[in-house]
Amino acid sequence: MRAVVQRVDKAAVRVDGHVVGQIERGVLVLLGVGKDDNIDDVKYLAEKIVNLRVFDDGQGKMNLSLLDVGGQMLVVSQFTLYGDCRRGRRPSYSDSAPPNVAKELYEAFIEEVKRHGIHVETGIFAAHMLVEIHNNGPVTLLLDSKKIF
């Protein structure tokens, strides 16, 4: 499972011109599910993200987590995180999970984050979405549950 995590002052996602999810201070998570992912990947990544120390403390150092600041999370499905661009010019998505598996693990991730007490908003799985991001910093991190990077 892969995630792009961005610290935001606010973020929103629209489908067909309508806002379907929006947050204030927190993190936007673009989440991709790989063909070999399972519930262990879900639990690892959810715990990692809610505890990432990416928010400033009183001295301006990134020492506080989403839990510490009472932040929110916007989760948007993003199968293209598994796009392999090493050969040719068209990305290969052969490492992405099939849609039915990806949706199940995407929803499991959302529930796991909620178990930590985080307010979660979402996009719509497999929909064409427009994402508005007010990235603070900017702070953007790449995570992989298999610890590839």
Foldseek 3Di string as FASTA:
>chain_A
DKKKKFFFQKKFKDFPRHTQWMFGGDIEIADFAWQPDDVVLLLVVLVCQQAQQQDQDPVGDSGGGCLRVLGAYEYEYDLCVQFDCPDDHGTDSNGGHPQVVGVVSSVSSVVSNVVSVHHYTYDDPPGDMDMDGRGPPGDIDMDDSVRPD
